Amino acid sequence: MTTALEEQPLSRTVPVTATGDAALAAEVLELRARNEQLEQALASRAVIDQACGMVMVLAPCSSERAWDLLVDVSQHSNVKLRDVAAALVATTKDQELPEAIQHEWRRALRRFHTRERR
C-alpha cells in the first residue's frame, strides 16, 4: 500500500527554494518568448503561402517554383521573405509593390521565363 505522499511526483514534495523560483521564472520567460516567436512564424507562413498561391496563378508555375521565385526576389532585393510576401499580398488591396521589390520581380520573372523556354 502506498501513501498519498509516495504517489505525488518528487517536484511537488520538495520545497521550492529561492533559486528554484528564479529558475522557474526564467523558464516561464523563455517559454513565453518561444511561444511569441512561434505565433509570429505561423502568421508569416500564412502570408508566404498566400503569396506563393498568387505567384502560382500569375507565373503560372508549381508551388516549388513559386517558392523559389519569392526567395529569389527576397535575396536580390535584400528584403526578408515574409516582407516580400506581405507586399505582394498587399497588392490585392490596391497597394503598390515597393520599387526595389518591383524591380526584382521583373528580373526574377525574366529569369524564370528564360529558363522555362530552354
C-alpha atoms as a PDB file:
ATOM      1  CA  MET A   1       0.000   0.000   0.000  1.00  0.00           C
ATOM      2  CA  THR A   2       1.312   3.430  -0.958  1.00  0.00           C
ATOM      3  CA  THR A   3       0.672   6.668   0.859  1.00  0.00           C
ATOM      4  CA  ALA A   4      -0.525   9.908  -0.723  1.00  0.00           C
ATOM      5  CA  LEU A   5       2.973  11.344  -0.331  1.00  0.00           C
ATOM      6  CA  GLU A   6       4.542   8.474  -2.274  1.00  0.00           C
ATOM      7  CA  GLU A   7       2.079   8.901  -5.159  1.00  0.00           C
ATOM      8  CA  GLN A   8       2.971  12.559  -5.728  1.00  0.00           C
ATOM      9  CA  PRO A   9       5.823  13.436  -8.085  1.00  0.00           C
ATOM     10  CA  LEU A  10       9.042  14.407  -6.355  1.00  0.00           C
ATOM     11  CA  SER A  11       8.798  18.034  -7.549  1.00  0.00           C
ATOM     12  CA  ARG A  12       5.626  18.515  -5.508  1.00  0.00           C
ATOM     13  CA  THR A  13       7.077  17.126  -2.306  1.00  0.00           C
ATOM     14  CA  VAL A  14      10.360  19.047  -2.310  1.00  0.00           C
ATOM     15  CA  PRO A  15      10.070  22.676  -1.198  1.00  0.00           C
ATOM     16  CA  VAL A  16      10.958  25.195  -3.917  1.00  0.00           C
ATOM     17  CA  THR A  17      13.898  27.364  -2.947  1.00  0.00           C
ATOM     18  CA  ALA A  18      14.568  30.939  -3.993  1.00  0.00           C
ATOM     19  CA  THR A  19      16.949  29.564  -6.614  1.00  0.00           C
ATOM     20  CA  GLY A  20      14.186  27.270  -7.839  1.00  0.00           C
ATOM     21  CA  ASP A  21      11.824  30.250  -8.054  1.00  0.00           C
ATOM     22  CA  ALA A  22      14.330  32.180 -10.161  1.00  0.00           C
ATOM     23  CA  ALA A  23      14.914  29.182 -12.422  1.00  0.00           C
ATOM     24  CA  LEU A  24      11.175  28.689 -12.834  1.00  0.00           C
ATOM     25  CA  ALA A  25      10.659  32.381 -13.626  1.00  0.00           C
ATOM     26  CA  ALA A  26      13.463  32.238 -16.219  1.00  0.00           C
ATOM     27  CA  GLU A  27      11.907  29.159 -17.792  1.00  0.00           C
ATOM     28  CA  VAL A  28       8.485  30.829 -17.956  1.00  0.00           C
ATOM     29  CA  LEU A  29      10.014  33.885 -19.672  1.00  0.00           C
ATOM     30  CA  GLU A  30      11.855  31.660 -22.144  1.00  0.00           C
ATOM     31  CA  LEU A  31       8.681  29.700 -22.933  1.00  0.00           C
ATOM     32  CA  ARG A  32       6.694  32.904 -23.432  1.00  0.00           C
ATOM     33  CA  ALA A  33       9.331  34.235 -25.821  1.00  0.00           C
ATOM     34  CA  ARG A  34       9.372  30.948 -27.729  1.00  0.00           C
ATOM     35  CA  ASN A  35       5.566  30.980 -27.906  1.00  0.00           C
ATOM     36  CA  GLU A  36       5.606  34.512 -29.326  1.00  0.00           C
ATOM     37  CA  GLN A  37       8.195  33.503 -31.926  1.00  0.00           C
ATOM     38  CA  LEU A  38       6.061  30.536 -32.977  1.00  0.00           C
ATOM     39  CA  GLU A  39       2.968  32.739 -33.292  1.00  0.00           C
ATOM     40  CA  GLN A  40       4.912  35.180 -35.476  1.00  0.00           C
ATOM     41  CA  ALA A  41       6.252  32.308 -37.594  1.00  0.00           C
ATOM     42  CA  LEU A  42       2.751  30.937 -38.133  1.00  0.00           C
ATOM     43  CA  ALA A  43       1.449  34.358 -39.162  1.00  0.00           C
ATOM     44  CA  SER A  44       4.406  34.850 -41.518  1.00  0.00           C
ATOM     45  CA  ARG A  45       3.919  31.403 -43.000  1.00  0.00           C
ATOM     46  CA  ALA A  46       0.280  32.109 -43.802  1.00  0.00           C
ATOM     47  CA  VAL A  47       1.241  35.266 -45.723  1.00  0.00           C
ATOM     48  CA  ILE A  48       4.042  33.438 -47.522  1.00  0.00           C
ATOM     49  CA  ASP A  49       1.622  30.664 -48.521  1.00  0.00           C
ATOM     50  CA  GLN A  50      -0.828  33.263 -49.867  1.00  0.00           C
ATOM     51  CA  ALA A  51       1.946  34.910 -51.875  1.00  0.00           C
ATOM     52  CA  CYS A  52       3.026  31.511 -53.235  1.00  0.00           C
ATOM     53  CA  GLY A  53      -0.532  30.929 -54.404  1.00  0.00           C
ATOM     54  CA  MET A  54      -0.573  34.297 -56.119  1.00  0.00           C
ATOM     55  CA  VAL A  55       2.722  33.574 -57.876  1.00  0.00           C
ATOM     56  CA  MET A  56       1.458  30.147 -58.981  1.00  0.00           C
ATOM     57  CA  VAL A  57      -1.516  31.811 -60.671  1.00  0.00           C
ATOM     58  CA  LEU A  58       0.369  34.771 -62.110  1.00  0.00           C
ATOM     59  CA  ALA A  59       3.504  32.991 -63.357  1.00  0.00           C
ATOM     60  CA  PRO A  60       1.969  30.147 -63.813  1.00  0.00           C
ATOM     61  CA  CYS A  61       4.208  27.625 -62.074  1.00  0.00           C
ATOM     62  CA  SER A  62       4.394  24.904 -59.439  1.00  0.00           C
ATOM     63  CA  SER A  63       4.396  25.651 -55.724  1.00  0.00           C
ATOM     64  CA  GLU A  64       8.101  24.800 -55.547  1.00  0.00           C
ATOM     65  CA  ARG A  65       8.905  27.236 -58.338  1.00  0.00           C
ATOM     66  CA  ALA A  66       6.726  29.917 -56.741  1.00  0.00           C
ATOM     67  CA  TRP A  67       8.679  29.470 -53.504  1.00  0.00           C
ATOM     68  CA  ASP A  68      11.942  29.760 -55.455  1.00  0.00           C
ATOM     69  CA  LEU A  69      10.750  32.980 -57.089  1.00  0.00           C
ATOM     70  CA  LEU A  70       9.834  34.506 -53.726  1.00  0.00           C
ATOM     71  CA  VAL A  71      13.201  33.522 -52.275  1.00  0.00           C
ATOM     72  CA  ASP A  72      14.978  34.897 -55.345  1.00  0.00           C
ATOM     73  CA  VAL A  73      13.234  38.267 -55.024  1.00  0.00           C
ATOM     74  CA  SER A  74      13.916  38.341 -51.290  1.00  0.00           C
ATOM     75  CA  GLN A  75      17.614  37.643 -51.708  1.00  0.00           C
ATOM     76  CA  HIS A  76      18.178  40.041 -54.595  1.00  0.00           C
ATOM     77  CA  SER A  77      16.207  42.892 -53.028  1.00  0.00           C
ATOM     78  CA  ASN A  78      17.687  42.275 -49.573  1.00  0.00           C
ATOM     79  CA  VAL A  79      14.179  42.210 -48.087  1.00  0.00           C
ATOM     80  CA  LYS A  80      13.011  39.464 -45.743  1.00  0.00           C
ATOM     81  CA  LEU A  81      10.914  36.790 -47.404  1.00  0.00           C
ATOM     82  CA  ARG A  82       7.927  37.474 -45.152  1.00  0.00           C
ATOM     83  CA  ASP A  83       8.072  41.170 -46.115  1.00  0.00           C
ATOM     84  CA  VAL A  84       8.242  40.386 -49.835  1.00  0.00           C
ATOM     85  CA  ALA A  85       5.245  38.078 -49.408  1.00  0.00           C
ATOM     86  CA  ALA A  86       3.323  40.664 -47.378  1.00  0.00           C
ATOM     87  CA  ALA A  87       3.989  43.328 -50.017  1.00  0.00           C
ATOM     88  CA  LEU A  88       2.771  41.024 -52.773  1.00  0.00           C
ATOM     89  CA  VAL A  89      -0.384  40.091 -50.845  1.00  0.00           C
ATOM     90  CA  ALA A  90      -0.988  43.802 -50.117  1.00  0.00           C
ATOM     91  CA  THR A  91      -1.324  44.413 -53.858  1.00  0.00           C
ATOM     92  CA  THR A  92      -4.746  42.742 -53.598  1.00  0.00           C
ATOM     93  CA  LYS A  93      -5.757  45.771 -51.518  1.00  0.00           C
ATOM     94  CA  ASP A  94      -4.604  48.277 -54.141  1.00  0.00           C
ATOM     95  CA  GLN A  95      -1.192  48.832 -52.571  1.00  0.00           C
ATOM     96  CA  GLU A  96       1.784  49.075 -54.885  1.00  0.00           C
ATOM     97  CA  LEU A  97       4.872  46.968 -54.521  1.00  0.00           C
ATOM     98  CA  PRO A  98       7.855  48.934 -53.237  1.00  0.00           C
ATOM     99  CA  GLU A  99      10.178  49.935 -56.081  1.00  0.00           C
ATOM    100  CA  ALA A 100      13.022  47.605 -55.045  1.00  0.00           C
ATOM    101  CA  ILE A 101      10.680  44.604 -54.917  1.00  0.00           C
ATOM    102  CA  GLN A 102       9.036  45.573 -58.237  1.00  0.00           C
ATOM    103  CA  HIS A 103      12.442  45.736 -59.873  1.00  0.00           C
ATOM    104  CA  GLU A 104      13.476  42.319 -58.547  1.00  0.00           C
ATOM    105  CA  TRP A 105      10.116  40.760 -59.503  1.00  0.00           C
ATOM    106  CA  ARG A 106      10.672  41.820 -63.083  1.00  0.00           C
ATOM    107  CA  ARG A 107      14.189  40.392 -63.082  1.00  0.00           C
ATOM    108  CA  ALA A 108      13.093  37.159 -61.379  1.00  0.00           C
ATOM    109  CA  LEU A 109      10.237  36.653 -63.847  1.00  0.00           C
ATOM    110  CA  ARG A 110      12.567  37.274 -66.803  1.00  0.00           C
ATOM    111  CA  ARG A 111      14.987  34.660 -65.441  1.00  0.00           C
ATOM    112  CA  PHE A 112      12.084  32.288 -64.844  1.00  0.00           C
ATOM    113  CA  HIS A 113      10.697  32.639 -68.374  1.00  0.00           C
ATOM    114  CA  THR A 114      14.179  32.303 -69.888  1.00  0.00           C
ATOM    115  CA  ARG A 115      14.706  29.002 -68.017  1.00  0.00           C
ATOM    116  CA  GLU A 116      11.264  27.743 -68.988  1.00  0.00           C
ATOM    117  CA  ARG A 117      11.972  28.255 -72.695  1.00  0.00           C
ATOM    118  CA  ARG A 118      15.147  26.139 -72.579  1.00  0.00           C
END
